[in-house]
Amino acid sequence: MAERFDRIWHNARLATMRDDLPDLGEIAHGLVAARDGRIVFAGARSDFRADADAAEWIDCAGRWITPGLVDCHTHLVYGGNRAHEFELRLRGASYEEIARAGGGIVSTVAATRAAGEAELVASALPRLDALIGEGVTTLEIKSGYGLDTDTELRQLRAARALARVRPVAIRTSFLGAHALPVEAGGDKDRYIDLVCREMLPAVAAAGLADAVDAFMEGIAFSAEQTTRVFAAARALGLPVKLHADQLSNLGGAALAAKFSALSADHLEHTDEVGASAMAQAGTVAVLLPGAFYFIRETQKPPVELFRKHGVRIALATDCNPGSSPLTSLLLTMNMGATLFRMTVVECLAGVTREGGRALGMLSEVGTLEAGKWCDLAIWDVERPAELVYRIGFNPLHRRIWRGQ
């Protein structure tokens, strides 16, 4: 009896991004078959059953199919924006002057606290739609602009709500240890007590976070304070990730590895000890060239060290109002190549397979393999390198999410 599928995409070239195949895992005369939202077959047409049938056959006319893109680090949900501060900086105002005038993260926290859940969803939708329009099918969204229990919960609820109004998979991360709120009066330890004893248990009880994040930096929280947050997360059964080594080397990458973090992100100042520890722990390096570009950093992440030690590398937009107001994963890939000298294979793997790995979702997304969700991006390009090479150009032909 002929096997029947819901849909078959044929006459396609596949960039499967499979780990067991070289480079992009290319298949020249490829086909993808799906049933119940899952990939059942992704491979060469010659290896597919000749008697198979489907409710719908889609002729891809030789186009390339990649896995749906994964943006594994965003702060997509927040109130207000910081365009006025950007304008002030261009006129010569310093970050300190802007902060003293009530700007910086304080202004985003105030706007986010003042916004209801529906307002947060509505303001995030255009940013989400920009990502979806470029083939993104899975993304992560962090909290961290509430810095009090009620607003952190509201941010996470808004992030989850986005997945109910758009065809996209969303993972949420609780980032209560992002910055110090004004009402803490400069007492970081007391605030971390609040994060660990009140915020985290409330988030876990509500089932609103898939992971716990923190910002370990001189302007944020120390290694000891971060350790307390991670220990509390571990006690609640939540995996961790870390904003690490962005502005200085405080050993964030090594600390993340100690807790078997899903990822350590930014990493401009990571040293060989940190890179080696990440490799041994399987912690993914998430590079964020949008922030590097926007705040005009000069210290690049040590890509050669990551290659040397076999650290997996992902790329993400870091979409946020203060340091990376970026909503293009295609541009992110070009930045990764141009600014960090990443290869085409590294860039494409970074927004598919390794992005999925950084979210703990590699068993579900990130490659074209049987059993995974049928999340596809179909491209009008002659070769996949065009997705990294072009600037400000979107060659997406069609986006498929869960087989539709």
Protein backbone atom coordinates (compact mmCIF):
# COMPACT_ATOMS: atom_id res chain seq x y z
CA MET A 1 0.00 0.00 0.00
CA ALA A 2 1.34 3.44 -0.96
CA GLU A 3 2.46 5.64 1.91
CA ARG A 4 0.48 8.87 2.07
CA PHE A 5 1.67 12.26 3.33
CA ASP A 6 0.01 15.60 3.98
CA ARG A 7 2.46 17.52 1.81
CA ILE A 8 5.50 16.85 -0.32
CA TRP A 9 7.88 19.58 -1.42
CA HIS A 10 9.82 18.33 -4.43
CA ASN A 11 12.16 19.57 -7.16
CA ALA A 12 14.15 21.33 -4.42
CA ARG A 13 17.72 21.74 -3.31
CA LEU A 14 18.13 21.07 0.39
CA ALA A 15 20.54 22.58 2.91
CA THR A 16 19.71 20.04 5.59
CA MET A 17 22.25 21.43 8.15
CA ARG A 18 22.63 17.88 9.43
CA ASP A 19 25.60 17.31 11.71
CA ASP A 20 26.50 14.03 10.04
CA LEU A 21 26.84 15.57 6.58
CA PRO A 22 29.61 17.94 5.43
CA ASP A 23 29.21 21.70 5.08
CA LEU A 24 25.52 22.60 4.74
CA GLY A 25 24.41 19.01 4.24
CA GLU A 26 23.40 19.84 0.68
CA ILE A 27 21.18 17.53 -1.36
CA ALA A 28 20.90 18.59 -5.00
CA HIS A 29 17.72 16.77 -6.06
CA GLY A 30 15.85 16.87 -2.80
CA LEU A 31 12.42 16.30 -1.38
CA VAL A 32 10.70 16.91 1.96
CA ALA A 33 7.61 14.95 2.99
CA ALA A 34 5.51 15.82 6.03
CA ARG A 35 2.68 14.33 8.01
CA ASP A 36 0.94 15.79 11.09
CA GLY A 37 3.34 18.73 11.14
CA ARG A 38 6.47 16.56 11.30
CA ILE A 39 9.11 15.76 8.70
CA VAL A 40 8.84 12.10 7.70
CA PHE A 41 11.45 12.24 4.94
CA ALA A 42 14.06 14.83 3.92
CA GLY A 43 16.58 13.63 1.40
CA ALA A 44 17.29 12.73 -2.19
CA ARG A 45 14.34 12.13 -4.51
CA SER A 46 15.98 8.91 -5.63
CA ASP A 47 15.80 7.57 -2.05
CA PHE A 48 12.08 8.29 -1.69
CA ARG A 49 9.38 5.69 -2.25
CA ALA A 50 8.22 5.80 -5.85
CA ASP A 51 4.63 4.91 -4.90
CA ALA A 52 4.27 7.58 -2.21
CA ASP A 53 1.39 10.03 -2.46
CA ALA A 54 0.30 13.23 -0.74
CA ALA A 55 -2.74 15.44 -0.36
CA GLU A 56 -0.61 18.23 -1.84
CA TRP A 57 2.54 18.23 -3.96
CA ILE A 58 4.49 21.49 -4.07
CA ASP A 59 6.95 22.01 -6.90
CA CYS A 60 9.81 24.17 -5.56
CA ALA A 61 11.17 24.84 -9.06
CA GLY A 62 14.74 24.23 -7.97
CA ARG A 63 14.62 26.60 -4.99
CA TRP A 64 16.68 26.02 -1.85
CA ILE A 65 15.05 24.77 1.34
CA THR A 66 16.68 25.32 4.73
CA PRO A 67 15.32 24.62 8.18
CA GLY A 68 13.18 27.45 9.49
CA LEU A 69 15.45 30.04 11.09
CA VAL A 70 15.99 30.17 14.86
CA ASP A 71 16.62 33.46 16.70
CA CYS A 72 17.91 32.16 20.03
CA HIS A 73 18.48 35.46 21.92
CA THR A 74 15.95 38.32 21.88
CA HIS A 75 14.39 40.81 24.30
CA LEU A 76 11.43 41.28 21.97
CA VAL A 77 8.82 42.25 24.58
CA TYR A 78 9.23 45.66 26.23
CA GLY A 79 7.52 49.02 26.61
CA GLY A 80 8.45 52.25 24.85
CA ASN A 81 11.57 52.74 22.77
CA ARG A 82 14.92 54.51 23.02
CA ALA A 83 15.09 56.31 19.67
CA HIS A 84 15.28 59.70 21.42
CA GLU A 85 18.31 58.56 23.41
CA PHE A 86 19.96 57.40 20.20
CA GLU A 87 19.42 60.87 18.80
CA LEU A 88 20.92 62.44 21.92
CA ARG A 89 23.99 60.19 21.69
CA LEU A 90 24.50 61.23 18.09
CA ARG A 91 24.52 64.83 19.32
CA GLY A 92 27.28 64.00 21.78
CA ALA A 93 25.47 63.10 25.01
CA SER A 94 27.19 60.40 27.07
CA TYR A 95 25.48 57.28 28.43
CA GLU A 96 25.97 58.69 31.92
CA GLU A 97 24.27 61.97 31.02
CA ILE A 98 21.36 60.12 29.47
CA ALA A 99 21.07 57.84 32.51
CA ARG A 100 21.06 60.81 34.91
CA ALA A 101 18.21 62.30 32.89
CA GLY A 102 16.15 59.15 33.46
CA GLY A 103 17.17 57.38 30.26
CA GLY A 104 18.87 54.06 29.65
CA ILE A 105 17.40 50.83 30.94
CA VAL A 106 15.56 52.79 33.65
CA SER A 107 13.35 54.36 30.99
CA THR A 108 12.55 50.97 29.44
CA VAL A 109 11.73 49.54 32.88
CA ALA A 110 9.37 52.46 33.57
CA ALA A 111 7.63 52.08 30.20
CA THR A 112 7.34 48.31 30.59
CA ARG A 113 5.91 48.57 34.10
CA ALA A 114 3.32 51.04 32.81
CA ALA A 115 2.22 48.77 29.94
CA GLY A 116 -0.49 46.15 30.21
CA GLU A 117 -0.11 42.68 28.74
CA ALA A 118 -2.17 43.52 25.65
CA GLU A 119 -0.08 46.63 25.04
CA LEU A 120 3.16 44.63 25.35
CA VAL A 121 1.85 42.08 22.86
CA ALA A 122 0.74 44.77 20.41
CA SER A 123 4.07 46.61 20.53
CA ALA A 124 6.05 43.39 20.06
CA LEU A 125 4.04 42.14 17.08
CA PRO A 126 5.68 44.36 14.42
CA ARG A 127 9.11 43.20 15.61
CA LEU A 128 7.98 39.58 15.58
CA ASP A 129 6.43 39.97 12.12
CA ALA A 130 9.72 41.32 10.77
CA LEU A 131 11.49 38.17 11.96
CA ILE A 132 8.74 35.87 10.67
CA GLY A 133 8.94 37.65 7.31
CA GLU A 134 12.55 36.51 6.99
CA GLY A 135 11.86 32.85 7.67
CA VAL A 136 12.13 32.69 11.47
CA THR A 137 10.03 29.85 12.87
CA THR A 138 11.45 29.60 16.42
CA LEU A 139 12.69 32.31 18.75
CA GLU A 140 13.53 32.98 22.36
CA ILE A 141 12.17 35.99 24.29
CA LYS A 142 13.57 37.18 27.62
CA SER A 143 11.98 39.17 30.40
CA GLY A 144 14.23 41.55 32.34
CA TYR A 145 12.56 44.92 31.83
CA GLY A 146 10.20 44.59 34.79
CA LEU A 147 12.63 43.97 37.65
CA ASP A 148 9.68 43.34 39.94
CA THR A 149 7.63 40.17 40.21
CA ASP A 150 4.40 41.41 38.66
CA THR A 151 6.00 42.98 35.60
CA GLU A 152 8.40 40.09 34.99
CA LEU A 153 5.42 37.73 35.00
CA ARG A 154 3.51 40.07 32.69
CA GLN A 155 6.41 40.20 30.22
CA LEU A 156 6.64 36.42 30.13
CA ARG A 157 2.88 36.05 29.69
CA ALA A 158 3.01 38.54 26.80
CA ALA A 159 5.85 36.58 25.20
CA ARG A 160 3.88 33.34 25.45
CA ALA A 161 0.77 35.09 24.10
CA LEU A 162 2.61 35.99 20.90
CA ALA A 163 2.74 32.31 19.99
CA ARG A 164 -1.05 32.18 20.17
CA VAL A 165 -1.53 34.94 17.60
CA ARG A 166 1.28 34.05 15.18
CA PRO A 167 2.48 30.71 13.74
CA VAL A 168 5.80 30.59 15.58
CA ALA A 169 7.42 28.61 18.40
CA ILE A 170 8.52 30.77 21.34
CA ARG A 171 10.81 29.85 24.23
CA THR A 172 10.86 32.20 27.22
CA SER A 173 13.73 33.02 29.55
CA PHE A 174 13.40 34.70 32.94
CA LEU A 175 15.99 37.49 33.16
CA GLY A 176 15.20 39.06 36.53
CA ALA A 177 18.95 39.44 37.15
CA HIS A 178 19.30 41.89 34.26
CA ALA A 179 19.83 45.19 36.04
CA LEU A 180 19.24 46.85 39.40
CA PRO A 181 15.91 48.68 39.76
CA VAL A 182 15.92 52.18 41.20
CA GLU A 183 13.99 51.14 44.30
CA ALA A 184 16.78 48.71 45.27
CA GLY A 185 18.84 51.72 46.34
CA GLY A 186 22.05 50.27 44.97
CA ASP A 187 21.84 47.10 47.09
CA LYS A 188 22.51 44.31 44.58
CA ASP A 189 22.58 41.52 47.15
CA ARG A 190 19.17 42.42 48.49
CA TYR A 191 17.77 42.53 44.97
CA ILE A 192 19.25 39.10 44.14
CA ASP A 193 17.53 37.84 47.31
CA LEU A 194 14.26 39.07 45.80
CA VAL A 195 15.03 37.37 42.48
CA CYS A 196 15.83 34.02 44.12
CA ARG A 197 13.24 33.94 46.90
CA GLU A 198 10.22 35.59 45.27
CA MET A 199 10.52 36.14 41.52
CA LEU A 200 11.99 32.81 40.44
CA PRO A 201 9.57 30.65 42.48
CA ALA A 202 6.63 32.69 41.14
CA VAL A 203 7.80 32.30 37.55
CA ALA A 204 8.39 28.57 38.01
CA ALA A 205 5.02 28.06 39.70
CA ALA A 206 3.31 29.80 36.79
CA GLY A 207 5.24 27.65 34.29
CA LEU A 208 6.23 30.76 32.34
CA ALA A 209 9.95 30.19 31.79
CA ASP A 210 11.85 27.59 29.80
CA ALA A 211 15.19 28.83 31.15
CA VAL A 212 16.77 31.35 33.53
CA ASP A 213 19.22 34.01 32.33
CA ALA A 214 21.41 36.58 34.08
CA PHE A 215 23.74 39.44 33.17
CA MET A 216 27.15 38.95 34.77
CA GLU A 217 29.18 42.13 34.32
CA GLY A 218 30.69 44.99 36.29
CA ILE A 219 27.65 47.13 35.53
CA ALA A 220 25.29 44.27 36.42
CA PHE A 221 25.89 41.31 38.74
CA SER A 222 28.93 39.54 40.15
CA ALA A 223 29.95 35.89 39.84
CA GLU A 224 28.75 35.22 43.37
CA GLN A 225 25.36 36.84 42.74
CA THR A 226 24.98 35.00 39.43
CA THR A 227 25.85 31.72 41.14
CA ARG A 228 23.02 32.28 43.61
CA VAL A 229 20.54 32.79 40.76
CA PHE A 230 21.77 29.70 38.92
CA ALA A 231 21.63 27.55 42.06
CA ALA A 232 18.05 28.67 42.64
CA ALA A 233 17.17 27.90 39.03
CA ARG A 234 18.74 24.46 39.26
CA ALA A 235 16.76 23.73 42.45
CA LEU A 236 13.59 24.50 40.48
CA GLY A 237 14.64 22.28 37.59
CA LEU A 238 15.21 25.13 35.12
CA PRO A 239 18.21 25.25 32.74
CA VAL A 240 20.34 28.39 32.64
CA LYS A 241 22.09 30.68 30.17
CA LEU A 242 24.22 33.77 30.69
CA HIS A 243 25.04 37.19 29.28
CA ALA A 244 28.79 36.69 29.72
CA ASP A 245 32.08 38.48 29.08
CA GLN A 246 30.52 41.26 26.99
CA LEU A 247 32.40 44.27 28.40
CA SER A 248 35.09 42.58 30.49
CA ASN A 249 36.30 39.11 31.41
CA LEU A 250 34.86 38.20 34.79
CA GLY A 251 34.93 34.49 34.02
CA GLY A 252 31.33 34.37 32.86
CA ALA A 253 31.86 31.73 30.17
CA ALA A 254 33.54 29.38 32.66
CA LEU A 255 30.78 29.97 35.22
CA ALA A 256 28.12 29.23 32.63
CA ALA A 257 29.93 26.00 31.76
CA LYS A 258 30.13 25.04 35.45
CA PHE A 259 26.32 25.04 35.50
CA SER A 260 26.09 23.23 32.13
CA ALA A 261 24.38 26.31 30.69
CA LEU A 262 22.55 25.95 27.41
CA SER A 263 24.48 28.96 26.15
CA ALA A 264 26.77 31.81 27.06
CA ASP A 265 26.05 34.93 25.03
CA HIS A 266 28.05 37.96 23.78
CA LEU A 267 31.52 36.65 24.83
CA GLU A 268 33.67 39.45 23.38
CA HIS A 269 36.18 39.11 26.26
CA THR A 270 36.12 35.34 26.76
CA ASP A 271 39.56 33.74 27.22
CA GLU A 272 40.87 30.25 26.46
CA VAL A 273 39.91 28.95 29.90
CA GLY A 274 36.32 29.97 29.23
CA ALA A 275 36.28 28.56 25.69
CA SER A 276 37.69 25.23 26.85
CA ALA A 277 35.18 25.00 29.69
CA MET A 278 32.29 25.72 27.32
CA ALA A 279 33.46 23.01 24.92
CA GLN A 280 33.63 20.42 27.70
CA ALA A 281 30.19 21.39 29.01
CA GLY A 282 28.52 21.54 25.60
CA THR A 283 27.56 25.18 26.22
CA VAL A 284 26.81 27.01 22.96
CA ALA A 285 28.51 30.35 22.21
CA VAL A 286 25.80 32.77 21.06
CA LEU A 287 27.37 35.71 19.23
CA LEU A 288 25.44 38.98 18.94
CA PRO A 289 26.96 41.18 16.23
CA GLY A 290 24.05 43.64 16.35
CA ALA A 291 25.04 44.77 19.84
CA PHE A 292 28.74 44.80 18.89
CA TYR A 293 27.89 47.09 15.96
CA PHE A 294 25.37 49.33 17.69
CA ILE A 295 27.47 50.19 20.74
CA ARG A 296 30.58 50.40 18.54
CA GLU A 297 32.59 47.75 20.36
CA THR A 298 36.15 47.05 19.26
CA GLN A 299 36.87 43.77 21.06
CA LYS A 300 35.62 40.89 18.90
CA PRO A 301 34.57 37.52 20.33
CA PRO A 302 37.36 34.92 20.04
CA VAL A 303 35.96 32.92 17.13
CA GLU A 304 39.31 31.20 16.53
CA LEU A 305 39.37 29.99 20.14
CA PHE A 306 35.86 28.60 19.78
CA ARG A 307 36.88 26.79 16.59
CA LYS A 308 40.05 25.47 18.23
CA HIS A 309 38.14 23.95 21.14
CA GLY A 310 35.11 22.83 19.15
CA VAL A 311 32.63 25.19 20.79
CA ARG A 312 29.34 25.33 18.88
CA ILE A 313 28.54 28.85 17.64
CA ALA A 314 25.08 30.36 17.22
CA LEU A 315 24.05 33.80 15.98
CA ALA A 316 21.10 35.88 17.18
CA THR A 317 19.68 39.39 16.80
CA ASP A 318 19.67 40.32 20.52
CA CYS A 319 16.69 42.48 19.56
CA ASN A 320 16.35 45.02 22.39
CA PRO A 321 15.67 48.76 22.71
CA GLY A 322 19.02 49.83 24.12
CA SER A 323 21.93 48.10 22.41
CA SER A 324 20.57 46.11 19.44
CA PRO A 325 17.29 47.34 17.94
CA LEU A 326 17.72 44.70 15.23
CA THR A 327 14.90 42.62 13.75
CA SER A 328 16.72 40.93 10.86
CA LEU A 329 18.39 37.55 11.24
CA LEU A 330 19.56 37.82 7.62
CA LEU A 331 21.46 41.02 8.44
CA THR A 332 22.75 39.34 11.59
CA MET A 333 24.35 36.65 9.43
CA ASN A 334 26.03 39.24 7.23
CA MET A 335 27.33 40.99 10.35
CA GLY A 336 28.63 37.69 11.72
CA ALA A 337 30.57 37.14 8.51
CA THR A 338 31.73 40.71 7.99
CA LEU A 339 32.52 41.75 11.56
CA PHE A 340 33.51 38.42 13.12
CA ARG A 341 34.85 36.66 9.97
CA MET A 342 32.53 33.70 10.38
CA THR A 343 32.13 31.41 7.37
CA VAL A 344 28.92 30.94 5.38
CA VAL A 345 28.50 27.47 6.92
CA GLU A 346 29.02 28.85 10.44
CA CYS A 347 26.53 31.65 9.86
CA LEU A 348 23.79 29.42 8.44
CA ALA A 349 24.36 26.77 11.10
CA GLY A 350 24.29 29.56 13.69
CA VAL A 351 20.71 30.54 12.84
CA THR A 352 19.42 26.98 12.37
CA ARG A 353 21.09 23.97 14.00
CA GLU A 354 23.16 25.78 16.62
CA GLY A 355 20.36 28.22 17.43
CA GLY A 356 18.15 25.21 18.12
CA ARG A 357 20.91 23.67 20.23
CA ALA A 358 21.26 26.90 22.24
CA LEU A 359 17.57 26.65 23.16
CA GLY A 360 17.73 22.97 24.08
CA MET A 361 15.46 22.26 21.11
CA LEU A 362 17.76 20.45 18.70
CA SER A 363 15.65 17.30 18.88
CA GLU A 364 12.74 19.32 17.47
CA VAL A 365 14.11 22.04 15.17
CA GLY A 366 17.23 23.30 13.42
CA THR A 367 17.85 20.62 10.78
CA LEU A 368 15.90 18.88 8.03
CA GLU A 369 15.55 15.39 9.48
CA ALA A 370 12.77 12.86 9.96
CA GLY A 371 10.96 13.30 13.26
CA LYS A 372 11.53 17.03 13.62
CA TRP A 373 8.89 19.70 13.19
CA CYS A 374 8.35 20.56 9.54
CA ASP A 375 9.57 24.14 9.85
CA LEU A 376 11.02 25.22 6.51
CA ALA A 377 12.28 28.34 4.78
CA ILE A 378 12.17 28.21 0.97
CA TRP A 379 14.49 30.70 -0.75
CA ASP A 380 14.75 32.32 -4.17
CA VAL A 381 18.56 32.08 -4.31
CA GLU A 382 21.06 30.38 -6.57
CA ARG A 383 23.24 29.33 -3.65
CA PRO A 384 22.86 29.54 0.13
CA ALA A 385 25.81 31.95 0.41
CA GLU A 386 23.45 34.66 -0.89
CA LEU A 387 21.60 34.56 2.43
CA VAL A 388 24.80 35.72 4.14
CA TYR A 389 26.19 37.88 1.35
CA ARG A 390 23.30 40.24 0.63
CA ILE A 391 22.52 43.28 2.78
CA GLY A 392 18.95 44.53 3.18
CA PHE A 393 17.51 41.98 0.76
CA ASN A 394 14.98 39.30 1.66
CA PRO A 395 14.77 36.40 -0.84
CA LEU A 396 12.27 34.35 1.19
CA HIS A 397 9.84 32.62 -1.18
CA ARG A 398 7.76 30.81 1.41
CA ARG A 399 7.86 30.01 5.12
CA ILE A 400 6.44 26.72 6.38
CA TRP A 401 5.62 26.21 10.05
CA ARG A 402 4.56 22.82 11.38
CA GLY A 403 4.00 21.60 7.83
CA GLN A 404 1.70 24.44 6.75
